[in-house]
Every structure is written in structure tokens, then in C-alpha cells.
C-alpha atoms as a PDB file:
ATOM      1  CA  MET A   1      64.873 135.396 100.222  1.00  0.00           C
ATOM      2  CA  ALA A   2      65.661 137.292 103.442  1.00  0.00           C
ATOM      3  CA  ILE A   3      64.092 134.525 105.525  1.00  0.00           C
ATOM      4  CA  ARG A   4      66.182 131.926 103.689  1.00  0.00           C
ATOM      5  CA  ALA A   5      69.393 133.932 104.272  1.00  0.00           C
ATOM      6  CA  GLN A   6      68.577 134.263 107.969  1.00  0.00           C
ATOM      7  CA  SER A   7      68.070 130.497 108.241  1.00  0.00           C
ATOM      8  CA  ILE A   8      71.373 129.743 106.471  1.00  0.00           C
ATOM      9  CA  ALA A   9      73.479 132.164 108.556  1.00  0.00           C
ATOM     10  CA  PRO A  10      73.304 130.168 111.850  1.00  0.00           C
ATOM     11  CA  PHE A  11      74.200 126.999 109.947  1.00  0.00           C
ATOM     12  CA  ARG A  12      77.270 128.670 108.465  1.00  0.00           C
ATOM     13  CA  ARG A  13      78.320 129.971 111.872  1.00  0.00           C
ATOM     14  CA  ARG A  14      78.001 126.506 113.389  1.00  0.00           C
ATOM     15  CA  LYS A  15      79.953 125.027 110.495  1.00  0.00           C
ATOM     16  CA  HIS A  16      82.702 127.629 110.897  1.00  0.00           C
ATOM     17  CA  THR A  17      82.850 127.058 114.667  1.00  0.00           C
ATOM     18  CA  LEU A  18      83.072 123.298 114.143  1.00  0.00           C
ATOM     19  CA  ALA A  19      85.906 123.759 111.635  1.00  0.00           C
ATOM     20  CA  VAL A  20      87.823 125.986 114.061  1.00  0.00           C
ATOM     21  CA  LEU A  21      87.412 123.494 116.908  1.00  0.00           C
ATOM     22  CA  LEU A  22      88.474 120.624 114.658  1.00  0.00           C
ATOM     23  CA  ASN A  23      91.583 122.481 113.522  1.00  0.00           C
ATOM     24  CA  CYS A  24      92.478 123.340 117.116  1.00  0.00           C
ATOM     25  CA  ALA A  25      92.102 119.684 118.083  1.00  0.00           C
ATOM     26  CA  LEU A  26      94.325 118.621 115.177  1.00  0.00           C
ATOM     27  CA  VAL A  27      96.976 121.172 116.142  1.00  0.00           C
ATOM     28  CA  LEU A  28      96.900 119.926 119.740  1.00  0.00           C
ATOM     29  CA  ILE A  29      97.211 116.292 118.657  1.00  0.00           C
ATOM     30  CA  CYS A  30     100.114 117.119 116.329  1.00  0.00           C
ATOM     31  CA  ALA A  31     101.846 119.089 119.087  1.00  0.00           C
ATOM     32  CA  VAL A  32     101.537 116.172 121.512  1.00  0.00           C
ATOM     33  CA  MET A  33     102.896 113.752 118.899  1.00  0.00           C
ATOM     34  CA  LEU A  34     105.751 115.992 117.756  1.00  0.00           C
ATOM     35  CA  PHE A  35     106.936 117.120 121.187  1.00  0.00           C
ATOM     36  CA  PRO A  36     108.940 113.937 121.993  1.00  0.00           C
ATOM     37  CA  ILE A  37     110.543 114.050 118.542  1.00  0.00           C
ATOM     38  CA  ALA A  38     111.428 117.732 118.806  1.00  0.00           C
ATOM     39  CA  SER A  39     112.756 117.368 122.349  1.00  0.00           C
ATOM     40  CA  THR A  40     114.957 114.434 121.294  1.00  0.00           C
ATOM     41  CA  LEU A  41     116.320 116.428 118.363  1.00  0.00           C
ATOM     42  CA  VAL A  42     117.082 119.458 120.554  1.00  0.00           C
ATOM     43  CA  LEU A  43     118.641 117.237 123.216  1.00  0.00           C
ATOM     44  CA  SER A  44     120.946 115.683 120.621  1.00  0.00           C
ATOM     45  CA  LEU A  45     122.264 119.162 119.774  1.00  0.00           C
ATOM     46  CA  LYS A  46     123.026 120.173 123.360  1.00  0.00           C
ATOM     47  CA  ARG A  47     126.339 120.041 125.138  1.00  0.00           C
ATOM     48  CA  GLU A  48     126.728 117.661 128.044  1.00  0.00           C
ATOM     49  CA  ALA A  49     126.912 120.640 130.408  1.00  0.00           C
ATOM     50  CA  ASP A  50     123.622 122.047 129.063  1.00  0.00           C
ATOM     51  CA  VAL A  51     121.900 118.685 129.486  1.00  0.00           C
ATOM     52  CA  HIS A  52     122.529 118.665 133.259  1.00  0.00           C
ATOM     53  CA  ARG A  53     121.984 122.382 133.751  1.00  0.00           C
ATOM     54  CA  GLN A  54     119.685 123.442 136.591  1.00  0.00           C
ATOM     55  CA  PRO A  55     117.102 124.722 136.111  1.00  0.00           C
ATOM     56  CA  PRO A  56     116.756 122.812 132.829  1.00  0.00           C
ATOM     57  CA  LEU A  57     116.346 124.811 129.627  1.00  0.00           C
ATOM     58  CA  LEU A  58     114.237 123.814 126.661  1.00  0.00           C
ATOM     59  CA  LEU A  59     116.893 125.214 124.315  1.00  0.00           C
ATOM     60  CA  PRO A  60     120.644 125.438 124.968  1.00  0.00           C
ATOM     61  CA  CYS A  61     120.496 129.221 125.286  1.00  0.00           C
ATOM     62  CA  ASP A  62     121.644 131.803 127.786  1.00  0.00           C
ATOM     63  CA  THR A  63     118.487 133.685 128.755  1.00  0.00           C
ATOM     64  CA  ALA A  64     119.726 135.897 131.568  1.00  0.00           C
ATOM     65  CA  THR A  65     117.874 138.890 130.157  1.00  0.00           C
ATOM     66  CA  ALA A  66     114.169 139.195 129.687  1.00  0.00           C
ATOM     67  CA  SER A  67     114.482 139.196 125.899  1.00  0.00           C
ATOM     68  CA  PHE A  68     115.146 135.914 124.116  1.00  0.00           C
ATOM     69  CA  ASP A  69     118.170 135.931 121.813  1.00  0.00           C
ATOM     70  CA  ILE A  70     118.476 132.969 119.442  1.00  0.00           C
ATOM     71  CA  ALA A  71     122.089 133.979 118.788  1.00  0.00           C
ATOM     72  CA  ALA A  72     122.890 132.985 122.369  1.00  0.00           C
ATOM     73  CA  CYS A  73     121.969 129.364 121.658  1.00  0.00           C
ATOM     74  CA  ARG A  74     124.785 126.839 121.394  1.00  0.00           C
ATOM     75  CA  PHE A  75     123.720 124.002 119.120  1.00  0.00           C
ATOM     76  CA  VAL A  76     126.656 121.610 118.862  1.00  0.00           C
ATOM     77  CA  ALA A  77     127.320 118.218 117.268  1.00  0.00           C
ATOM     78  CA  GLU A  78     129.045 116.846 120.349  1.00  0.00           C
ATOM     79  CA  GLY A  79     126.554 113.999 120.728  1.00  0.00           C
ATOM     80  CA  TYR A  80     126.771 112.989 117.070  1.00  0.00           C
ATOM     81  CA  ALA A  81     130.571 113.052 117.183  1.00  0.00           C
ATOM     82  CA  ARG A  82     130.475 110.651 120.132  1.00  0.00           C
ATOM     83  CA  VAL A  83     127.984 108.344 118.410  1.00  0.00           C
ATOM     84  CA  LEU A  84     129.895 108.266 115.137  1.00  0.00           C
ATOM     85  CA  LEU A  85     133.271 108.208 116.942  1.00  0.00           C
ATOM     86  CA  LEU A  86     134.874 110.634 114.530  1.00  0.00           C
ATOM     87  CA  ARG A  87     138.639 110.159 114.388  1.00  0.00           C
ATOM     88  CA  GLU A  88     141.254 112.133 112.524  1.00  0.00           C
ATOM     89  CA  SER A  89     142.396 110.150 109.517  1.00  0.00           C
ATOM     90  CA  THR A  90     146.111 109.422 109.221  1.00  0.00           C
ATOM     91  CA  THR A  91     145.984 108.536 105.522  1.00  0.00           C
ATOM     92  CA  ALA A  92     143.842 111.385 104.176  1.00  0.00           C
ATOM     93  CA  PRO A  93     142.820 114.805 105.481  1.00  0.00           C
ATOM     94  CA  GLY A  94     139.558 114.941 107.392  1.00  0.00           C
ATOM     95  CA  PHE A  95     137.792 112.466 109.642  1.00  0.00           C
ATOM     96  CA  ARG A  96     136.686 108.859 109.413  1.00  0.00           C
ATOM     97  CA  ILE A  97     133.688 107.242 111.107  1.00  0.00           C
ATOM     98  CA  GLU A  98     134.385 104.389 113.499  1.00  0.00           C
ATOM     99  CA  GLY A  99     131.145 104.144 115.480  1.00  0.00           C
ATOM    100  CA  ARG A 100     129.449 100.741 115.337  1.00  0.00           C
ATOM    101  CA  ILE A 101     126.006 102.273 114.801  1.00  0.00           C
ATOM    102  CA  TRP A 102     127.151 103.659 111.457  1.00  0.00           C
ATOM    103  CA  THR A 103     129.657 101.013 110.377  1.00  0.00           C
ATOM    104  CA  THR A 104     127.887  97.854 111.606  1.00  0.00           C
ATOM    105  CA  TYR A 105     124.337  98.247 112.893  1.00  0.00           C
ATOM    106  CA  LEU A 106     122.862 100.519 110.207  1.00  0.00           C
ATOM    107  CA  PRO A 107     124.253  98.473 107.266  1.00  0.00           C
ATOM    108  CA  ASN A 108     122.821  95.313 108.833  1.00  0.00           C
ATOM    109  CA  THR A 109     119.403  96.905 109.252  1.00  0.00           C
ATOM    110  CA  ILE A 110     119.444  98.218 105.686  1.00  0.00           C
ATOM    111  CA  LEU A 111     120.206  94.684 104.486  1.00  0.00           C
ATOM    112  CA  TYR A 112     117.492  93.092 106.639  1.00  0.00           C
ATOM    113  CA  ALA A 113     114.824  95.688 105.857  1.00  0.00           C
ATOM    114  CA  SER A 114     115.407  95.990 102.104  1.00  0.00           C
ATOM    115  CA  SER A 115     115.849  92.250 101.449  1.00  0.00           C
ATOM    116  CA  SER A 116     112.921  91.195 103.612  1.00  0.00           C
ATOM    117  CA  ALA A 117     110.609  93.897 102.258  1.00  0.00           C
ATOM    118  CA  ALA A 118     111.467  93.063  98.635  1.00  0.00           C
ATOM    119  CA  LEU A 119     110.873  89.329  99.100  1.00  0.00           C
ATOM    120  CA  VAL A 120     107.713  89.935 101.135  1.00  0.00           C
ATOM    121  CA  THR A 121     106.352  92.179  98.380  1.00  0.00           C
ATOM    122  CA  LEU A 122     107.102  89.591  95.691  1.00  0.00           C
ATOM    123  CA  LEU A 123     105.604  86.656  97.593  1.00  0.00           C
ATOM    124  CA  ALA A 124     102.613  88.694  98.772  1.00  0.00           C
ATOM    125  CA  ALA A 125     101.894  89.848  95.205  1.00  0.00           C
ATOM    126  CA  LEU A 126     101.927  86.280  93.852  1.00  0.00           C
ATOM    127  CA  SER A 127      99.803  84.913  96.695  1.00  0.00           C
ATOM    128  CA  ALA A 128      97.362  87.817  96.703  1.00  0.00           C
ATOM    129  CA  TYR A 129      96.856  87.585  92.936  1.00  0.00           C
ATOM    130  CA  ALA A 130      96.018  83.890  93.261  1.00  0.00           C
ATOM    131  CA  TYR A 131      93.569  84.562  96.101  1.00  0.00           C
ATOM    132  CA  SER A 132      91.980  87.451  94.199  1.00  0.00           C
ATOM    133  CA  ARG A 133      91.579  85.880  90.754  1.00  0.00           C
ATOM    134  CA  PHE A 134      91.115  82.140  91.315  1.00  0.00           C
ATOM    135  CA  ARG A 135      88.489  80.127  93.154  1.00  0.00           C
ATOM    136  CA  PHE A 136      89.758  76.817  94.516  1.00  0.00           C
ATOM    137  CA  ARG A 137      88.954  74.386  97.279  1.00  0.00           C
ATOM    138  CA  GLY A 138      90.125  75.614 100.680  1.00  0.00           C
ATOM    139  CA  ARG A 139      90.624  79.204  99.518  1.00  0.00           C
ATOM    140  CA  ARG A 140      88.570  80.754 102.306  1.00  0.00           C
ATOM    141  CA  ALA A 141      90.172  78.543 104.954  1.00  0.00           C
ATOM    142  CA  LEU A 142      93.649  79.545 103.759  1.00  0.00           C
ATOM    143  CA  LEU A 143      92.705  83.232 103.868  1.00  0.00           C
ATOM    144  CA  VAL A 144      91.347  82.937 107.392  1.00  0.00           C
ATOM    145  CA  GLY A 145      94.383  80.920 108.456  1.00  0.00           C
ATOM    146  CA  THR A 146      96.693  83.572 107.024  1.00  0.00           C
ATOM    147  CA  LEU A 147      94.896  86.240 109.024  1.00  0.00           C
ATOM    148  CA  LEU A 148      95.039  84.169 112.211  1.00  0.00           C
ATOM    149  CA  VAL A 149      98.773  83.564 111.793  1.00  0.00           C
ATOM    150  CA  SER A 150      99.388  87.307 111.570  1.00  0.00           C
ATOM    151  CA  GLY A 151      97.737  87.716 114.977  1.00  0.00           C
ATOM    152  CA  VAL A 152      99.961  85.260 116.855  1.00  0.00           C
ATOM    153  CA  PRO A 153     102.019  87.146 119.487  1.00  0.00           C
ATOM    154  CA  LEU A 154     105.702  87.372 118.722  1.00  0.00           C
ATOM    155  CA  LEU A 155     106.901  86.437 122.209  1.00  0.00           C
ATOM    156  CA  THR A 156     105.102  83.071 122.095  1.00  0.00           C
ATOM    157  CA  MET A 157     107.348  81.893 119.237  1.00  0.00           C
ATOM    158  CA  LEU A 158     110.748  83.159 120.362  1.00  0.00           C
ATOM    159  CA  LEU A 159     111.868  79.920 122.029  1.00  0.00           C
ATOM    160  CA  ALA A 160     110.872  77.794 119.040  1.00  0.00           C
ATOM    161  CA  LEU A 161     112.575  80.188 116.627  1.00  0.00           C
ATOM    162  CA  LEU A 162     115.728  80.158 118.735  1.00  0.00           C
ATOM    163  CA  GLN A 163     115.884  76.354 118.635  1.00  0.00           C
ATOM    164  CA  VAL A 164     115.152  76.234 114.898  1.00  0.00           C
ATOM    165  CA  GLY A 165     117.822  78.835 114.199  1.00  0.00           C
ATOM    166  CA  ASN A 166     120.459  76.938 116.179  1.00  0.00           C
ATOM    167  CA  ALA A 167     119.584  73.702 114.388  1.00  0.00           C
ATOM    168  CA  LEU A 168     119.771  75.321 110.947  1.00  0.00           C
ATOM    169  CA  ARG A 169     123.129  76.933 111.699  1.00  0.00           C
ATOM    170  CA  ARG A 170     124.574  73.559 112.664  1.00  0.00           C
ATOM    171  CA  THR A 171     123.050  71.725 109.707  1.00  0.00           C
ATOM    172  CA  LEU A 172     123.285  74.067 106.714  1.00  0.00           C
ATOM    173  CA  PRO A 173     126.679  75.419 105.627  1.00  0.00           C
ATOM    174  CA  GLY A 174     126.671  79.166 105.057  1.00  0.00           C
ATOM    175  CA  PHE A 175     123.425  79.642 106.998  1.00  0.00           C
ATOM    176  CA  ASP A 176     124.377  82.489 109.317  1.00  0.00           C
ATOM    177  CA  ASP A 177     122.416  84.967 111.422  1.00  0.00           C
ATOM    178  CA  ARG A 178     121.767  87.289 108.483  1.00  0.00           C
ATOM    179  CA  VAL A 179     120.064  84.619 106.380  1.00  0.00           C
ATOM    180  CA  PHE A 180     118.081  83.382 109.361  1.00  0.00           C
ATOM    181  CA  MET A 181     116.846  86.858 110.272  1.00  0.00           C
ATOM    182  CA  ILE A 182     115.715  87.579 106.712  1.00  0.00           C
ATOM    183  CA  VAL A 183     113.744  84.307 106.671  1.00  0.00           C
ATOM    184  CA  VAL A 184     112.169  85.085 110.056  1.00  0.00           C
ATOM    185  CA  TYR A 185     111.207  88.611 109.015  1.00  0.00           C
ATOM    186  CA  ILE A 186     109.592  87.292 105.844  1.00  0.00           C
ATOM    187  CA  GLY A 187     107.567  84.812 107.873  1.00  0.00           C
ATOM    188  CA  PHE A 188     106.288  87.500 110.232  1.00  0.00           C
ATOM    189  CA  GLU A 189     105.511  90.149 107.615  1.00  0.00           C
ATOM    190  CA  LEU A 190     104.067  87.985 104.830  1.00  0.00           C
ATOM    191  CA  PRO A 191     100.586  87.093 106.237  1.00  0.00           C
ATOM    192  CA  PHE A 192      99.462  90.678 106.762  1.00  0.00           C
ATOM    193  CA  ALA A 193     101.106  91.775 103.498  1.00  0.00           C
ATOM    194  CA  ILE A 194      99.043  89.191 101.594  1.00  0.00           C
ATOM    195  CA  TRP A 195      95.812  90.699 102.880  1.00  0.00           C
ATOM    196  CA  ILE A 196      96.887  94.225 101.990  1.00  0.00           C
ATOM    197  CA  ALA A 197      97.988  93.217  98.487  1.00  0.00           C
ATOM    198  CA  LYS A 198      94.783  91.249  97.947  1.00  0.00           C
ATOM    199  CA  SER A 199      92.680  94.349  98.588  1.00  0.00           C
ATOM    200  CA  PHE A 200      94.534  96.156  95.794  1.00  0.00           C
ATOM    201  CA  PHE A 201      94.181  93.272  93.334  1.00  0.00           C
ATOM    202  CA  ASP A 202      90.461  93.053  94.161  1.00  0.00           C
ATOM    203  CA  SER A 203      90.085  96.717  93.173  1.00  0.00           C
ATOM    204  CA  ILE A 204      91.402  96.068  89.628  1.00  0.00           C
ATOM    205  CA  PRO A 205      88.564  95.078  87.234  1.00  0.00           C
ATOM    206  CA  ARG A 206      88.954  91.648  85.695  1.00  0.00           C
ATOM    207  CA  GLU A 207      87.630  93.007  82.406  1.00  0.00           C
ATOM    208  CA  LEU A 208      91.006  94.650  81.803  1.00  0.00           C
ATOM    209  CA  GLU A 209      92.749  91.278  81.880  1.00  0.00           C
ATOM    210  CA  GLN A 210      90.063  89.702  79.716  1.00  0.00           C
ATOM    211  CA  ALA A 211      90.469  92.465  77.139  1.00  0.00           C
ATOM    212  CA  ALA A 212      94.224  91.885  77.086  1.00  0.00           C
ATOM    213  CA  LEU A 213      93.691  88.147  76.588  1.00  0.00           C
ATOM    214  CA  ILE A 214      91.314  88.825  73.701  1.00  0.00           C
ATOM    215  CA  ASP A 215      93.986  91.035  72.113  1.00  0.00           C
ATOM    216  CA  GLY A 216      96.401  88.111  72.161  1.00  0.00           C
ATOM    217  CA  ALA A 217      98.264  88.560  75.421  1.00  0.00           C
ATOM    218  CA  THR A 218      99.189  85.536  77.493  1.00  0.00           C
ATOM    219  CA  PRO A 219      97.958  85.292  81.102  1.00  0.00           C
ATOM    220  CA  LEU A 220     101.469  86.069  82.309  1.00  0.00           C
ATOM    221  CA  GLY A 221     101.700  88.993  79.890  1.00  0.00           C
ATOM    222  CA  ALA A 222      98.366  90.375  81.090  1.00  0.00           C
ATOM    223  CA  LEU A 223      99.597  90.102  84.654  1.00  0.00           C
ATOM    224  CA  GLY A 224     102.876  91.874  83.941  1.00  0.00           C
ATOM    225  CA  ARG A 225     101.560  94.569  81.593  1.00  0.00           C
ATOM    226  CA  ILE A 226      98.104  95.305  83.021  1.00  0.00           C
ATOM    227  CA  VAL A 227      97.679  94.156  86.612  1.00  0.00           C
ATOM    228  CA  VAL A 228     101.115  94.817  88.111  1.00  0.00           C
ATOM    229  CA  PRO A 229     101.385  98.453  86.859  1.00  0.00           C
ATOM    230  CA  LEU A 230      97.918  99.213  88.240  1.00  0.00           C
ATOM    231  CA  ALA A 231      98.744  97.554  91.554  1.00  0.00           C
ATOM    232  CA  ALA A 232     102.219  99.121  91.770  1.00  0.00           C
ATOM    233  CA  PRO A 233     101.236 101.856  94.289  1.00  0.00           C
ATOM    234  CA  GLY A 234      99.672  99.237  96.539  1.00  0.00           C
ATOM    235  CA  LEU A 235     102.668  96.931  96.259  1.00  0.00           C
ATOM    236  CA  PHE A 236     104.911  99.858  97.084  1.00  0.00           C
ATOM    237  CA  SER A 237     102.835 100.419 100.226  1.00  0.00           C
ATOM    238  CA  VAL A 238     103.353  96.762 101.139  1.00  0.00           C
ATOM    239  CA  PHE A 239     107.094  97.210 100.638  1.00  0.00           C
ATOM    240  CA  LEU A 240     107.176 100.373 102.733  1.00  0.00           C
ATOM    241  CA  LEU A 241     105.185  98.902 105.615  1.00  0.00           C
ATOM    242  CA  SER A 242     107.369  95.796 105.706  1.00  0.00           C
ATOM    243  CA  PHE A 243     110.515  97.912 105.492  1.00  0.00           C
ATOM    244  CA  VAL A 244     109.510 100.061 108.466  1.00  0.00           C
ATOM    245  CA  GLN A 245     108.439  97.080 110.570  1.00  0.00           C
ATOM    246  CA  VAL A 246     111.766  95.324 110.062  1.00  0.00           C
ATOM    247  CA  TRP A 247     113.700  98.556 110.603  1.00  0.00           C
ATOM    248  CA  ASN A 248     112.028  99.156 113.968  1.00  0.00           C
ATOM    249  CA  ASP A 249     112.453  95.611 115.264  1.00  0.00           C
ATOM    250  CA  PHE A 250     114.313  95.101 118.511  1.00  0.00           C
ATOM    251  CA  THR A 251     112.940  91.891 120.025  1.00  0.00           C
ATOM    252  CA  LEU A 252     114.049  89.507 117.276  1.00  0.00           C
ATOM    253  CA  ASN A 253     117.394  91.281 116.996  1.00  0.00           C
ATOM    254  CA  TYR A 254     118.016  90.874 120.696  1.00  0.00           C
ATOM    255  CA  PHE A 255     116.973  87.246 121.152  1.00  0.00           C
ATOM    256  CA  LEU A 256     117.737  85.486 117.849  1.00  0.00           C
ATOM    257  CA  ILE A 257     121.108  86.897 116.762  1.00  0.00           C
ATOM    258  CA  ASN A 258     124.171  85.340 118.354  1.00  0.00           C
ATOM    259  CA  GLN A 259     126.962  87.436 116.860  1.00  0.00           C
ATOM    260  CA  GLN A 260     127.330  91.116 117.687  1.00  0.00           C
ATOM    261  CA  ALA A 261     128.442  91.943 114.142  1.00  0.00           C
ATOM    262  CA  PHE A 262     125.050  90.880 112.728  1.00  0.00           C
ATOM    263  CA  ARG A 263     122.757  92.956 114.955  1.00  0.00           C
ATOM    264  CA  GLY A 264     120.589  95.828 113.726  1.00  0.00           C
ATOM    265  CA  ALA A 265     120.266  99.551 114.341  1.00  0.00           C
ATOM    266  CA  ILE A 266     117.639  99.499 117.095  1.00  0.00           C
ATOM    267  CA  TYR A 267     119.797  97.090 119.052  1.00  0.00           C
ATOM    268  CA  GLY A 268     122.646  99.510 118.385  1.00  0.00           C
ATOM    269  CA  VAL A 269     120.784 102.181 120.354  1.00  0.00           C
ATOM    270  CA  TYR A 270     120.355  99.728 123.227  1.00  0.00           C
ATOM    271  CA  ASP A 271     124.032  98.805 123.012  1.00  0.00           C
ATOM    272  CA  TYR A 272     124.949 102.461 123.082  1.00  0.00           C
ATOM    273  CA  ILE A 273     122.886 102.970 126.245  1.00  0.00           C
ATOM    274  CA  ALA A 274     124.969 100.293 127.951  1.00  0.00           C
ATOM    275  CA  ALA A 275     128.209 101.761 126.615  1.00  0.00           C
ATOM    276  CA  SER A 276     127.575 105.464 127.241  1.00  0.00           C
ATOM    277  CA  GLY A 277     126.016 105.321 130.694  1.00  0.00           C
ATOM    278  CA  ILE A 278     123.966 108.490 131.177  1.00  0.00           C
ATOM    279  CA  SER A 279     125.283 110.545 128.258  1.00  0.00           C
ATOM    280  CA  TYR A 280     121.853 111.805 127.268  1.00  0.00           C
ATOM    281  CA  ASN A 281     122.916 114.034 124.385  1.00  0.00           C
ATOM    282  CA  ALA A 282     124.828 111.166 122.768  1.00  0.00           C
ATOM    283  CA  LEU A 283     121.908 108.800 123.365  1.00  0.00           C
ATOM    284  CA  ALA A 284     119.522 111.276 121.718  1.00  0.00           C
ATOM    285  CA  ALA A 285     121.948 111.608 118.808  1.00  0.00           C
ATOM    286  CA  ALA A 286     121.950 107.816 118.426  1.00  0.00           C
ATOM    287  CA  CYS A 287     118.136 107.801 118.328  1.00  0.00           C
ATOM    288  CA  VAL A 288     118.065 110.534 115.679  1.00  0.00           C
ATOM    289  CA  THR A 289     120.729 108.758 113.619  1.00  0.00           C
ATOM    290  CA  VAL A 290     118.739 105.518 113.579  1.00  0.00           C
ATOM    291  CA  ALA A 291     115.354 107.152 112.906  1.00  0.00           C
ATOM    292  CA  LEU A 292     116.489 109.610 110.236  1.00  0.00           C
ATOM    293  CA  PRO A 293     116.679 107.177 107.249  1.00  0.00           C
ATOM    294  CA  VAL A 294     113.075 106.020 107.712  1.00  0.00           C
ATOM    295  CA  VAL A 295     111.882 109.616 108.095  1.00  0.00           C
ATOM    296  CA  VAL A 296     113.618 110.573 104.845  1.00  0.00           C
ATOM    297  CA  VAL A 297     112.046 107.612 103.022  1.00  0.00           C
ATOM    298  CA  PHE A 298     108.578 108.580 104.244  1.00  0.00           C
ATOM    299  CA  LEU A 299     109.076 112.222 103.265  1.00  0.00           C
ATOM    300  CA  PHE A 300     109.775 111.223  99.670  1.00  0.00           C
ATOM    301  CA  ALA A 301     107.202 108.420  99.469  1.00  0.00           C
ATOM    302  CA  ARG A 302     104.331 109.759 101.563  1.00  0.00           C
ATOM    303  CA  ARG A 303     102.182 110.845  98.605  1.00  0.00           C
ATOM    304  CA  VAL A 304     102.286 107.453  96.893  1.00  0.00           C
ATOM    305  CA  PHE A 305     101.797 105.640 100.189  1.00  0.00           C
ATOM    306  CA  PHE A 306      98.746 107.560 101.411  1.00  0.00           C
ATOM    307  CA  LEU A 307      97.079 107.653  97.988  1.00  0.00           C
ATOM    308  CA  ALA A 308      97.561 103.913  97.596  1.00  0.00           C
ATOM    309  CA  MET A 309      96.219 103.131 101.062  1.00  0.00           C
ATOM    310  CA  LEU A 310      93.215 105.407 100.544  1.00  0.00           C
ATOM    311  CA  GLU A 311      92.483 103.897  97.140  1.00  0.00           C
ATOM    312  CA  GLY A 312      92.723 100.374  98.490  1.00  0.00           C
ATOM    313  CA  ALA A 313      90.476 101.198 101.451  1.00  0.00           C
ATOM    314  CA  VAL A 314      87.805 102.841  99.287  1.00  0.00           C
ATOM    315  CA  LYS A 315      87.753 100.291  96.477  1.00  0.00           C
ATOM    316  CA  GLY A 316      88.323  97.308  98.735  1.00  0.00           C
END
């Protein structure tokens, strides 16, 4: 027994040392990833004078003494006020928001991201279910073609998309930049979404549908009552991935939209750079304003998203 305990002790020490090193590496990686985010957030809360202060300070604090006093820090909303263009209201007490990022660019991005993600999820679910459950001629070629389409570089299609968009605007009444952008986003996000959704449908046993059919359910009823609820976490992951991709788009917004009133939030940050010159605290506030909605969505949906992706990866 003593010999066995002596042989186990070095193994436990090595295991403990490995765990400590792994945790230290994870902390270092997280620190490297979070530093740009934290520095942008702190910069957005600085005054313009503190931004250009020499020597530069990590926090907007007066640290003349050796001891650090957090009460000496001056976190202000000057940058956010400039981004939102807060004006005193003449009709009601308080302030109103006039900044284009909040009144124009963010609503456009919400429309593009939510509409495109919802339609991508619906079309991907229908296509993936057909690929997963049915065997037909050309199925494998279509799957491979779908994967190849998702790998085509975006920049190689910009000129063609620009010409197609101009032709559709001249031909179809009511076809404006918003409709065109939603169609383009669906086309770019759908191929990869089909493959993700297919992996979740493949993980659902067909015996469940067969049992529902034996009990008298129609094929459509079995799909709606059995398959879709089981695949709901995976479909939500498809929706979330598509939503984030559209939200973060800049290239298509910049090249394919003709009217300023139809552009999205990421372009709004670029537009604010041109308008504000070198107002770094206001620029950081614009970045935080645009990124905050997606961060909030991920905070509330992270559990469903990661569990669904892990389940699809393991079962697929």
C-alpha cells in the first residue's frame, strides 16, 4: 500500500502542476484578448484633455501621490454625449438623441441583422432537413457545391453585386437598398448555415419521426412537433451566428449601399471617424455603442449557444 501511494504521489503532483500551468495560460490568453476591449471602454469614459495627457495614464486619475485613489478618477460621458448628440428638448424636459449612429445606423443594422438571420435560419432549416432525411440524385454534389460557394471570397463578387443591385433598382419598383442588402446577406450566410443546421438534424434519430408517423402524425406534423423542437438550440445557434456576421459587416455596407440613410452601424463608426477627426474618446464611445447590443445578446444566449454547438459537434 505504501509503495502504491508513493507511486501515485508524483503523478498527482505532475497533474496539479499541469493544471496550474494551463490555468495561467488561460488567464494570459484572456488578458490579451480583453485588453483592447477594456482599453476602449476606459478611453470612451475619459475627457478629451485626459486622452492627450502626457505622460498617458491608463485611467483618468490624478496620481500625484504614491498611493492610488480611485476617488480621484474622472469617468465622464463626454464621448457618448458627442456620439449621441444630446440636445436639450424644447417640447419636453430632458434631452433628445440626434446622433446618426443611434437614430439611423443602428436601426438599419437591427433590421438587416434580424431579418437576414431569421430568413437564413428558416431556409437553412428546410434545406438541411431535406439533405439530412432524403436521398436523391445529385445530393452529394449539391452539398459539396454549397460548401464551395461558402468559401468564395467576398471581394471577388463585389463588382457583380454592384451591377446586379443597380439593375434591380432600375427594374423593380420598391426595390431599395434595404431589400437588396437583406437579399445579399441571405445569399452569403445561407451556404454555411445549411451545413451547420444539417449537423443538428443528423444528430436527431429518425426513429422518433417513425414513431410519430406510426401514432398517426403526418410528415409535416412530425417535423413540427418532434424534429424542430429538438433542433431548436441548433437553429438558434444558426440565427445567432448569422445575426453577428451581418451586424459586423462593413464591406458590403460601404460598397453596395448608395444612400446614406440606409447604411449600417459599422459604417456609422467609419463615418464618425471622418466627422470627428481625432476625437479619440468620442470614437471609442462610438465603438462601444455599436458593439454593446451584440455583447448583451451573447451574455443572455451564451449557454444555449455553446451547449448547442458542443452537442452538434459531438453527435455530428
